[in-house]
Amino acid sequence: MTQPASPQTPPAPDGTVTATVDQGVGTVEFFHPKSNSLPGALLRELAATIRRLSADPAVKVLVLRSGGTGPFCAGASFDELTAIDTAEQAATFFSGFAGVILAMIRAPQFVVTRVHGKAAGGAVGLIAASDFACAVSTAPAKLSELAVGIGPFVVGPVIEKKVGLASFSQMAVDADWRDAAWCERRGLYARLYDDVPALDAGVNALARTLAASNPEAMAQMKRVFWAGTEGWDAMLAERAQMSGTLARSAFTREAIARFKGR
């Protein structure tokens, strides 16, 4: 029987996180009018929603998706990044993606992510934190951090674990778009589809199959997949401090201003 979960609305007035539960499939959708970028309030609500659904015994599999027809996610909010004044604000800002990544990899259920468009910056970390990512063949990805004077420090560990050091370093050093075929070959995307209707059909079919699978087997597989990440709370907090220090530098502020002015 379908049991809708209560929609979750984050403090940010221009972004939403919603959740539903339908026949064992817990779906979490985030949306922001600025290319599905993720300010801190939205990231915190997204992490809290994933944790809440993952603790629900009625949820057998989680699906992560974003709203609209544009980018899947443009990464962190540049508006919020440029407003950072203190070290504490910086650490909190960069810890946002860490919270979502940790919620995803520690959920006992598999997380299937639906990628319907471009993914930049922190969005690549969310995809890498998925257990299975499905994307349209026109959905490129890039790590844009170096181009704005910082680095992919917080999302780096999960991307490296997913695609390996060589592919991660390629994305981090050459901060340009990688097409979906490249992402599939490296393992960032598990399956590609020709268009959004085919993507939705594929995600729905996979979610239904997983919802009917043995939950204990999937939970044990999940622990195997993410073995070695037990100390990531401290490591990602340290990485957030690294990013925060760079973000407050004059170099980075000027780089972001140029980037936003394009």
C-alpha atoms as a PDB file:
ATOM      1  CA  MET A   1       0.000   0.000   0.000  1.00  0.00           C
ATOM      2  CA  THR A   2       1.329   3.440  -0.875  1.00  0.00           C
ATOM      3  CA  GLN A   3       2.230   5.542   2.145  1.00  0.00           C
ATOM      4  CA  PRO A   4       3.252   9.081   1.223  1.00  0.00           C
ATOM      5  CA  ALA A   5       5.849  10.618   3.462  1.00  0.00           C
ATOM      6  CA  SER A   6       5.382  14.185   4.591  1.00  0.00           C
ATOM      7  CA  PRO A   7       6.963  16.659   2.143  1.00  0.00           C
ATOM      8  CA  GLN A   8      10.015  18.315   3.634  1.00  0.00           C
ATOM      9  CA  THR A   9      10.505  22.025   3.001  1.00  0.00           C
ATOM     10  CA  PRO A  10      13.914  23.511   3.803  1.00  0.00           C
ATOM     11  CA  PRO A  11      14.395  26.917   5.364  1.00  0.00           C
ATOM     12  CA  ALA A  12      15.547  28.337   2.004  1.00  0.00           C
ATOM     13  CA  PRO A  13      12.464  29.939   0.418  1.00  0.00           C
ATOM     14  CA  ASP A  14      13.641  29.248  -3.117  1.00  0.00           C
ATOM     15  CA  GLY A  15      14.434  25.553  -2.835  1.00  0.00           C
ATOM     16  CA  THR A  16      12.618  22.386  -1.856  1.00  0.00           C
ATOM     17  CA  VAL A  17      13.241  18.836  -0.753  1.00  0.00           C
ATOM     18  CA  THR A  18      10.322  16.414  -0.990  1.00  0.00           C
ATOM     19  CA  ALA A  19      10.003  12.767  -0.060  1.00  0.00           C
ATOM     20  CA  THR A  20       7.539   9.993  -0.901  1.00  0.00           C
ATOM     21  CA  VAL A  21       7.318   6.306  -0.092  1.00  0.00           C
ATOM     22  CA  ASP A  22       5.568   4.030  -2.586  1.00  0.00           C
ATOM     23  CA  GLN A  23       5.606   0.231  -2.363  1.00  0.00           C
ATOM     24  CA  GLY A  24       8.996   0.124  -0.686  1.00  0.00           C
ATOM     25  CA  VAL A  25      10.611   2.800  -2.850  1.00  0.00           C
ATOM     26  CA  GLY A  26      11.600   5.970  -1.014  1.00  0.00           C
ATOM     27  CA  THR A  27      12.086   8.850  -3.440  1.00  0.00           C
ATOM     28  CA  VAL A  28      13.898  12.032  -2.437  1.00  0.00           C
ATOM     29  CA  GLU A  29      13.742  14.978  -4.823  1.00  0.00           C
ATOM     30  CA  PHE A  30      15.500  18.326  -4.478  1.00  0.00           C
ATOM     31  CA  PHE A  31      14.896  21.442  -6.527  1.00  0.00           C
ATOM     32  CA  HIS A  32      16.350  24.924  -6.760  1.00  0.00           C
ATOM     33  CA  PRO A  33      15.406  27.487  -9.427  1.00  0.00           C
ATOM     34  CA  LYS A  34      19.073  28.317 -10.040  1.00  0.00           C
ATOM     35  CA  SER A  35      20.019  25.182 -11.974  1.00  0.00           C
ATOM     36  CA  ASN A  36      19.344  22.955  -8.963  1.00  0.00           C
ATOM     37  CA  SER A  37      22.277  24.478  -7.103  1.00  0.00           C
ATOM     38  CA  LEU A  38      22.468  23.529  -3.442  1.00  0.00           C
ATOM     39  CA  PRO A  39      22.782  26.189  -0.728  1.00  0.00           C
ATOM     40  CA  GLY A  40      23.587  25.078   2.803  1.00  0.00           C
ATOM     41  CA  ALA A  41      19.988  24.966   4.055  1.00  0.00           C
ATOM     42  CA  LEU A  42      18.954  22.742   1.166  1.00  0.00           C
ATOM     43  CA  LEU A  43      21.922  20.422   1.710  1.00  0.00           C
ATOM     44  CA  ARG A  44      21.091  20.052   5.400  1.00  0.00           C
ATOM     45  CA  GLU A  45      17.459  19.266   4.620  1.00  0.00           C
ATOM     46  CA  LEU A  46      18.503  16.811   1.921  1.00  0.00           C
ATOM     47  CA  ALA A  47      20.793  14.949   4.335  1.00  0.00           C
ATOM     48  CA  ALA A  48      18.109  14.911   7.044  1.00  0.00           C
ATOM     49  CA  THR A  49      15.500  13.574   4.618  1.00  0.00           C
ATOM     50  CA  ILE A  50      17.760  10.776   3.423  1.00  0.00           C
ATOM     51  CA  ARG A  51      18.542   9.811   7.018  1.00  0.00           C
ATOM     52  CA  ARG A  52      14.855   9.841   7.928  1.00  0.00           C
ATOM     53  CA  LEU A  53      13.790   7.638   5.020  1.00  0.00           C
ATOM     54  CA  SER A  54      16.718   5.283   5.498  1.00  0.00           C
ATOM     55  CA  ALA A  55      15.519   4.646   9.069  1.00  0.00           C
ATOM     56  CA  ASP A  56      12.001   3.752   7.880  1.00  0.00           C
ATOM     57  CA  PRO A  57      11.537  -0.048   7.759  1.00  0.00           C
ATOM     58  CA  ALA A  58       8.978   0.410   4.971  1.00  0.00           C
ATOM     59  CA  VAL A  59      11.696   1.784   2.679  1.00  0.00           C
ATOM     60  CA  LYS A  60      13.588  -0.956   0.827  1.00  0.00           C
ATOM     61  CA  VAL A  61      15.425   1.212  -1.719  1.00  0.00           C
ATOM     62  CA  LEU A  62      16.122   4.933  -2.064  1.00  0.00           C
ATOM     63  CA  VAL A  63      15.902   6.954  -5.285  1.00  0.00           C
ATOM     64  CA  LEU A  64      17.592  10.366  -5.426  1.00  0.00           C
ATOM     65  CA  ARG A  65      16.540  12.789  -8.143  1.00  0.00           C
ATOM     66  CA  SER A  66      16.227  16.498  -8.843  1.00  0.00           C
ATOM     67  CA  GLY A  67      13.358  18.508 -10.262  1.00  0.00           C
ATOM     68  CA  GLY A  68      12.913  20.410 -13.478  1.00  0.00           C
ATOM     69  CA  THR A  69      14.246  19.735 -16.949  1.00  0.00           C
ATOM     70  CA  GLY A  70      17.556  21.606 -16.767  1.00  0.00           C
ATOM     71  CA  PRO A  71      20.742  20.492 -14.985  1.00  0.00           C
ATOM     72  CA  PHE A  72      20.677  17.628 -12.521  1.00  0.00           C
ATOM     73  CA  CYS A  73      22.646  19.841 -10.146  1.00  0.00           C
ATOM     74  CA  ALA A  74      24.968  22.821 -10.564  1.00  0.00           C
ATOM     75  CA  GLY A  75      26.770  22.089  -7.305  1.00  0.00           C
ATOM     76  CA  ALA A  76      27.219  24.491  -4.418  1.00  0.00           C
ATOM     77  CA  SER A  77      25.498  27.866  -4.371  1.00  0.00           C
ATOM     78  CA  PHE A  78      27.923  30.557  -5.544  1.00  0.00           C
ATOM     79  CA  ASP A  79      25.704  33.239  -4.026  1.00  0.00           C
ATOM     80  CA  GLU A  80      26.165  31.704  -0.602  1.00  0.00           C
ATOM     81  CA  LEU A  81      29.849  30.996  -1.184  1.00  0.00           C
ATOM     82  CA  THR A  82      30.630  34.636  -1.963  1.00  0.00           C
ATOM     83  CA  ALA A  83      28.810  35.759   1.194  1.00  0.00           C
ATOM     84  CA  ILE A  84      31.102  33.774   3.514  1.00  0.00           C
ATOM     85  CA  ASP A  85      32.910  36.045   5.991  1.00  0.00           C
ATOM     86  CA  THR A  86      34.205  33.797   8.777  1.00  0.00           C
ATOM     87  CA  ALA A  87      36.057  30.519   9.103  1.00  0.00           C
ATOM     88  CA  GLU A  88      33.070  29.040  10.916  1.00  0.00           C
ATOM     89  CA  GLN A  89      30.711  29.973   8.079  1.00  0.00           C
ATOM     90  CA  ALA A  90      33.152  28.496   5.574  1.00  0.00           C
ATOM     91  CA  ALA A  91      33.451  25.190   7.408  1.00  0.00           C
ATOM     92  CA  THR A  92      29.670  24.925   7.741  1.00  0.00           C
ATOM     93  CA  PHE A  93      29.166  25.693   4.059  1.00  0.00           C
ATOM     94  CA  PHE A  94      31.617  23.082   2.798  1.00  0.00           C
ATOM     95  CA  SER A  95      30.376  20.478   5.273  1.00  0.00           C
ATOM     96  CA  GLY A  96      26.980  20.506   3.538  1.00  0.00           C
ATOM     97  CA  PHE A  97      27.909  18.042   0.825  1.00  0.00           C
ATOM     98  CA  ALA A  98      29.727  15.893   3.388  1.00  0.00           C
ATOM     99  CA  GLY A  99      26.474  15.484   5.306  1.00  0.00           C
ATOM    100  CA  VAL A 100      24.591  14.296   2.237  1.00  0.00           C
ATOM    101  CA  ILE A 101      27.369  11.951   1.132  1.00  0.00           C
ATOM    102  CA  LEU A 102      27.585  10.364   4.586  1.00  0.00           C
ATOM    103  CA  ALA A 103      23.801   9.955   4.745  1.00  0.00           C
ATOM    104  CA  MET A 104      23.828   8.220   1.361  1.00  0.00           C
ATOM    105  CA  ILE A 105      26.668   5.784   1.953  1.00  0.00           C
ATOM    106  CA  ARG A 106      25.484   4.884   5.464  1.00  0.00           C
ATOM    107  CA  ALA A 107      21.889   4.220   4.529  1.00  0.00           C
ATOM    108  CA  PRO A 108      21.276   0.451   4.723  1.00  0.00           C
ATOM    109  CA  GLN A 109      19.340   0.630   1.460  1.00  0.00           C
ATOM    110  CA  PHE A 110      20.837   0.949  -1.999  1.00  0.00           C
ATOM    111  CA  VAL A 111      20.671   4.511  -3.314  1.00  0.00           C
ATOM    112  CA  VAL A 112      19.782   4.784  -7.011  1.00  0.00           C
ATOM    113  CA  THR A 113      20.373   8.243  -8.474  1.00  0.00           C
ATOM    114  CA  ARG A 114      18.568   9.589 -11.532  1.00  0.00           C
ATOM    115  CA  VAL A 115      20.726  12.018 -13.528  1.00  0.00           C
ATOM    116  CA  HIS A 116      18.634  13.807 -16.150  1.00  0.00           C
ATOM    117  CA  GLY A 117      21.077  16.624 -17.002  1.00  0.00           C
ATOM    118  CA  LYS A 118      24.435  18.258 -16.349  1.00  0.00           C
ATOM    119  CA  ALA A 119      26.220  17.622 -13.052  1.00  0.00           C
ATOM    120  CA  ALA A 120      28.880  20.029 -11.804  1.00  0.00           C
ATOM    121  CA  GLY A 121      31.071  20.296  -8.733  1.00  0.00           C
ATOM    122  CA  GLY A 122      29.464  18.809  -5.639  1.00  0.00           C
ATOM    123  CA  ALA A 123      26.847  17.096  -7.782  1.00  0.00           C
ATOM    124  CA  VAL A 124      29.543  14.672  -8.941  1.00  0.00           C
ATOM    125  CA  GLY A 125      30.065  13.749  -5.304  1.00  0.00           C
ATOM    126  CA  LEU A 126      26.384  12.939  -4.876  1.00  0.00           C
ATOM    127  CA  ILE A 127      26.445  10.723  -7.957  1.00  0.00           C
ATOM    128  CA  ALA A 128      29.585   8.969  -6.728  1.00  0.00           C
ATOM    129  CA  ALA A 129      27.947   8.360  -3.338  1.00  0.00           C
ATOM    130  CA  SER A 130      25.151   6.457  -5.085  1.00  0.00           C
ATOM    131  CA  ASP A 131      25.223   2.689  -5.262  1.00  0.00           C
ATOM    132  CA  PHE A 132      23.855   2.816  -8.817  1.00  0.00           C
ATOM    133  CA  ALA A 133      23.554   5.937 -10.995  1.00  0.00           C
ATOM    134  CA  CYS A 134      21.368   6.044 -14.090  1.00  0.00           C
ATOM    135  CA  ALA A 135      21.795   8.921 -16.554  1.00  0.00           C
ATOM    136  CA  VAL A 136      20.701  10.145 -19.941  1.00  0.00           C
ATOM    137  CA  SER A 137      23.376   9.949 -22.624  1.00  0.00           C
ATOM    138  CA  THR A 138      23.422  13.762 -22.836  1.00  0.00           C
ATOM    139  CA  ALA A 139      24.323  14.317 -19.147  1.00  0.00           C
ATOM    140  CA  PRO A 140      27.956  15.457 -18.855  1.00  0.00           C
ATOM    141  CA  ALA A 141      29.782  15.968 -15.572  1.00  0.00           C
ATOM    142  CA  LYS A 142      32.672  18.099 -14.398  1.00  0.00           C
ATOM    143  CA  LEU A 143      34.556  19.102 -11.283  1.00  0.00           C
ATOM    144  CA  SER A 144      34.604  22.885 -11.537  1.00  0.00           C
ATOM    145  CA  GLU A 145      36.284  23.670  -8.214  1.00  0.00           C
ATOM    146  CA  LEU A 146      39.792  24.484  -9.466  1.00  0.00           C
ATOM    147  CA  ALA A 147      38.327  26.895 -12.003  1.00  0.00           C
ATOM    148  CA  VAL A 148      37.011  29.027  -9.122  1.00  0.00           C
ATOM    149  CA  GLY A 149      40.119  28.858  -6.980  1.00  0.00           C
ATOM    150  CA  ILE A 150      39.390  25.926  -4.675  1.00  0.00           C
ATOM    151  CA  GLY A 151      39.534  22.147  -5.037  1.00  0.00           C
ATOM    152  CA  PRO A 152      37.160  19.163  -4.783  1.00  0.00           C
ATOM    153  CA  PHE A 153      38.374  18.330  -1.297  1.00  0.00           C
ATOM    154  CA  VAL A 154      35.103  17.323   0.376  1.00  0.00           C
ATOM    155  CA  VAL A 155      33.670  15.343  -2.538  1.00  0.00           C
ATOM    156  CA  GLY A 156      37.065  13.991  -3.577  1.00  0.00           C
ATOM    157  CA  PRO A 157      37.200  10.880  -1.353  1.00  0.00           C
ATOM    158  CA  VAL A 158      33.877   9.482  -2.552  1.00  0.00           C
ATOM    159  CA  ILE A 159      34.654  10.227  -6.205  1.00  0.00           C
ATOM    160  CA  GLU A 160      38.078   8.611  -5.915  1.00  0.00           C
ATOM    161  CA  LYS A 161      36.550   5.533  -4.270  1.00  0.00           C
ATOM    162  CA  LYS A 162      34.013   5.250  -7.088  1.00  0.00           C
ATOM    163  CA  VAL A 163      36.153   5.899 -10.185  1.00  0.00           C
ATOM    164  CA  GLY A 164      39.734   5.470  -8.957  1.00  0.00           C
ATOM    165  CA  LEU A 165      42.554   7.947  -8.420  1.00  0.00           C
ATOM    166  CA  ALA A 166      43.484   8.326 -12.086  1.00  0.00           C
ATOM    167  CA  SER A 167      40.005   9.288 -13.266  1.00  0.00           C
ATOM    168  CA  PHE A 168      39.391  11.500 -10.242  1.00  0.00           C
ATOM    169  CA  SER A 169      42.645  13.385 -10.766  1.00  0.00           C
ATOM    170  CA  GLN A 170      41.819  13.863 -14.456  1.00  0.00           C
ATOM    171  CA  MET A 171      38.508  15.486 -13.540  1.00  0.00           C
ATOM    172  CA  ALA A 172      40.055  17.566 -10.755  1.00  0.00           C
ATOM    173  CA  VAL A 173      43.023  18.885 -12.757  1.00  0.00           C
ATOM    174  CA  ASP A 174      41.266  19.469 -16.089  1.00  0.00           C
ATOM    175  CA  ALA A 175      38.089  21.151 -14.830  1.00  0.00           C
ATOM    176  CA  ASP A 176      36.137  20.690 -18.052  1.00  0.00           C
ATOM    177  CA  TRP A 177      33.089  18.656 -19.033  1.00  0.00           C
ATOM    178  CA  ARG A 178      33.308  14.872 -19.402  1.00  0.00           C
ATOM    179  CA  ASP A 179      30.554  13.414 -21.561  1.00  0.00           C
ATOM    180  CA  ALA A 180      28.214  10.725 -20.279  1.00  0.00           C
ATOM    181  CA  ALA A 181      30.036   7.977 -22.166  1.00  0.00           C
ATOM    182  CA  TRP A 182      33.279   8.900 -20.380  1.00  0.00           C
ATOM    183  CA  CYS A 183      31.440   8.849 -17.047  1.00  0.00           C
ATOM    184  CA  GLU A 184      29.986   5.420 -17.789  1.00  0.00           C
ATOM    185  CA  ARG A 185      33.366   3.969 -18.773  1.00  0.00           C
ATOM    186  CA  ARG A 186      34.855   5.173 -15.480  1.00  0.00           C
ATOM    187  CA  GLY A 187      31.972   3.829 -13.403  1.00  0.00           C
ATOM    188  CA  LEU A 188      30.463   7.136 -12.306  1.00  0.00           C
ATOM    189  CA  TYR A 189      27.329   6.245 -14.276  1.00  0.00           C
ATOM    190  CA  ALA A 190      26.224   2.621 -14.163  1.00  0.00           C
ATOM    191  CA  ARG A 191      23.726   2.799 -17.024  1.00  0.00           C
ATOM    192  CA  LEU A 192      22.882   5.260 -19.801  1.00  0.00           C
ATOM    193  CA  TYR A 193      19.539   5.904 -21.506  1.00  0.00           C
ATOM    194  CA  ASP A 194      18.706   7.681 -24.744  1.00  0.00           C
ATOM    195  CA  ASP A 195      16.200  10.118 -23.254  1.00  0.00           C
ATOM    196  CA  VAL A 196      14.374  11.068 -20.050  1.00  0.00           C
ATOM    197  CA  PRO A 197      11.323   8.799 -20.590  1.00  0.00           C
ATOM    198  CA  ALA A 198      13.651   5.827 -21.047  1.00  0.00           C
ATOM    199  CA  LEU A 199      15.642   6.951 -17.991  1.00  0.00           C
ATOM    200  CA  ASP A 200      12.513   7.101 -15.863  1.00  0.00           C
ATOM    201  CA  ALA A 201      11.343   3.705 -17.050  1.00  0.00           C
ATOM    202  CA  GLY A 202      14.751   2.227 -16.249  1.00  0.00           C
ATOM    203  CA  VAL A 203      14.994   3.792 -12.794  1.00  0.00           C
ATOM    204  CA  ASN A 204      11.444   2.733 -11.916  1.00  0.00           C
ATOM    205  CA  ALA A 205      12.027  -0.845 -13.061  1.00  0.00           C
ATOM    206  CA  LEU A 206      15.286  -1.116 -11.119  1.00  0.00           C
ATOM    207  CA  ALA A 207      13.731   0.398  -7.995  1.00  0.00           C
ATOM    208  CA  ARG A 208      10.818  -2.047  -8.110  1.00  0.00           C
ATOM    209  CA  THR A 209      13.198  -4.989  -8.504  1.00  0.00           C
ATOM    210  CA  LEU A 210      15.342  -3.850  -5.582  1.00  0.00           C
ATOM    211  CA  ALA A 211      12.301  -3.181  -3.407  1.00  0.00           C
ATOM    212  CA  ALA A 212      11.391  -6.856  -3.822  1.00  0.00           C
ATOM    213  CA  SER A 213      14.919  -8.099  -3.071  1.00  0.00           C
ATOM    214  CA  ASN A 214      16.288  -9.348   0.246  1.00  0.00           C
ATOM    215  CA  PRO A 215      16.861  -6.239   2.412  1.00  0.00           C
ATOM    216  CA  GLU A 216      19.446  -7.932   4.620  1.00  0.00           C
ATOM    217  CA  ALA A 217      21.452  -9.073   1.603  1.00  0.00           C
ATOM    218  CA  MET A 218      21.394  -5.547   0.210  1.00  0.00           C
ATOM    219  CA  ALA A 219      22.411  -4.061   3.572  1.00  0.00           C
ATOM    220  CA  GLN A 220      25.370  -6.414   3.819  1.00  0.00           C
ATOM    221  CA  MET A 221      26.373  -5.642   0.232  1.00  0.00           C
ATOM    222  CA  LYS A 222      26.174  -1.951   1.082  1.00  0.00           C
ATOM    223  CA  ARG A 223      28.569  -2.449   3.996  1.00  0.00           C
ATOM    224  CA  VAL A 224      30.999  -4.215   1.672  1.00  0.00           C
ATOM    225  CA  PHE A 225      30.744  -1.458  -0.957  1.00  0.00           C
ATOM    226  CA  TRP A 226      31.585   1.274   1.542  1.00  0.00           C
ATOM    227  CA  ALA A 227      34.068  -0.544   3.765  1.00  0.00           C
ATOM    228  CA  GLY A 228      36.916   1.748   4.752  1.00  0.00           C
ATOM    229  CA  THR A 229      34.782   4.882   5.057  1.00  0.00           C
ATOM    230  CA  GLU A 230      34.258   4.622   8.808  1.00  0.00           C
ATOM    231  CA  GLY A 231      36.623   7.519   9.521  1.00  0.00           C
ATOM    232  CA  TRP A 232      35.176   9.852   6.929  1.00  0.00           C
ATOM    233  CA  ASP A 233      33.383  12.119   9.428  1.00  0.00           C
ATOM    234  CA  ALA A 234      36.688  13.486  10.690  1.00  0.00           C
ATOM    235  CA  MET A 235      38.380  13.452   7.291  1.00  0.00           C
ATOM    236  CA  LEU A 236      35.581  15.317   5.521  1.00  0.00           C
ATOM    237  CA  ALA A 237      35.451  17.882   8.336  1.00  0.00           C
ATOM    238  CA  GLU A 238      39.165  18.480   7.833  1.00  0.00           C
ATOM    239  CA  ARG A 239      38.647  18.762   4.074  1.00  0.00           C
ATOM    240  CA  ALA A 240      35.875  21.316   4.669  1.00  0.00           C
ATOM    241  CA  GLN A 241      38.340  23.429   6.627  1.00  0.00           C
ATOM    242  CA  MET A 242      40.788  23.267   3.707  1.00  0.00           C
ATOM    243  CA  SER A 243      38.124  24.451   1.291  1.00  0.00           C
ATOM    244  CA  GLY A 244      36.976  27.148   3.673  1.00  0.00           C
ATOM    245  CA  THR A 245      40.448  28.609   4.005  1.00  0.00           C
ATOM    246  CA  LEU A 246      40.826  28.831   0.234  1.00  0.00           C
ATOM    247  CA  ALA A 247      37.313  30.229  -0.255  1.00  0.00           C
ATOM    248  CA  ARG A 248      38.092  33.249   1.908  1.00  0.00           C
ATOM    249  CA  SER A 249      41.211  34.155  -0.075  1.00  0.00           C
ATOM    250  CA  ALA A 250      41.311  37.124  -2.425  1.00  0.00           C
ATOM    251  CA  PHE A 251      42.297  34.843  -5.309  1.00  0.00           C
ATOM    252  CA  THR A 252      39.194  32.702  -4.950  1.00  0.00           C
ATOM    253  CA  ARG A 253      36.823  35.615  -4.444  1.00  0.00           C
ATOM    254  CA  GLU A 254      38.090  37.208  -7.671  1.00  0.00           C
ATOM    255  CA  ALA A 255      37.893  33.878  -9.533  1.00  0.00           C
ATOM    256  CA  ILE A 256      34.298  33.334  -8.445  1.00  0.00           C
ATOM    257  CA  ALA A 257      33.361  36.880  -9.429  1.00  0.00           C
ATOM    258  CA  ARG A 258      34.769  36.291 -12.919  1.00  0.00           C
ATOM    259  CA  PHE A 259      32.988  32.933 -13.144  1.00  0.00           C
ATOM    260  CA  LYS A 260      29.634  34.441 -12.165  1.00  0.00           C
ATOM    261  CA  GLY A 261      30.132  37.275 -14.657  1.00  0.00           C
ATOM    262  CA  ARG A 262      30.346  34.969 -17.665  1.00  0.00           C
END
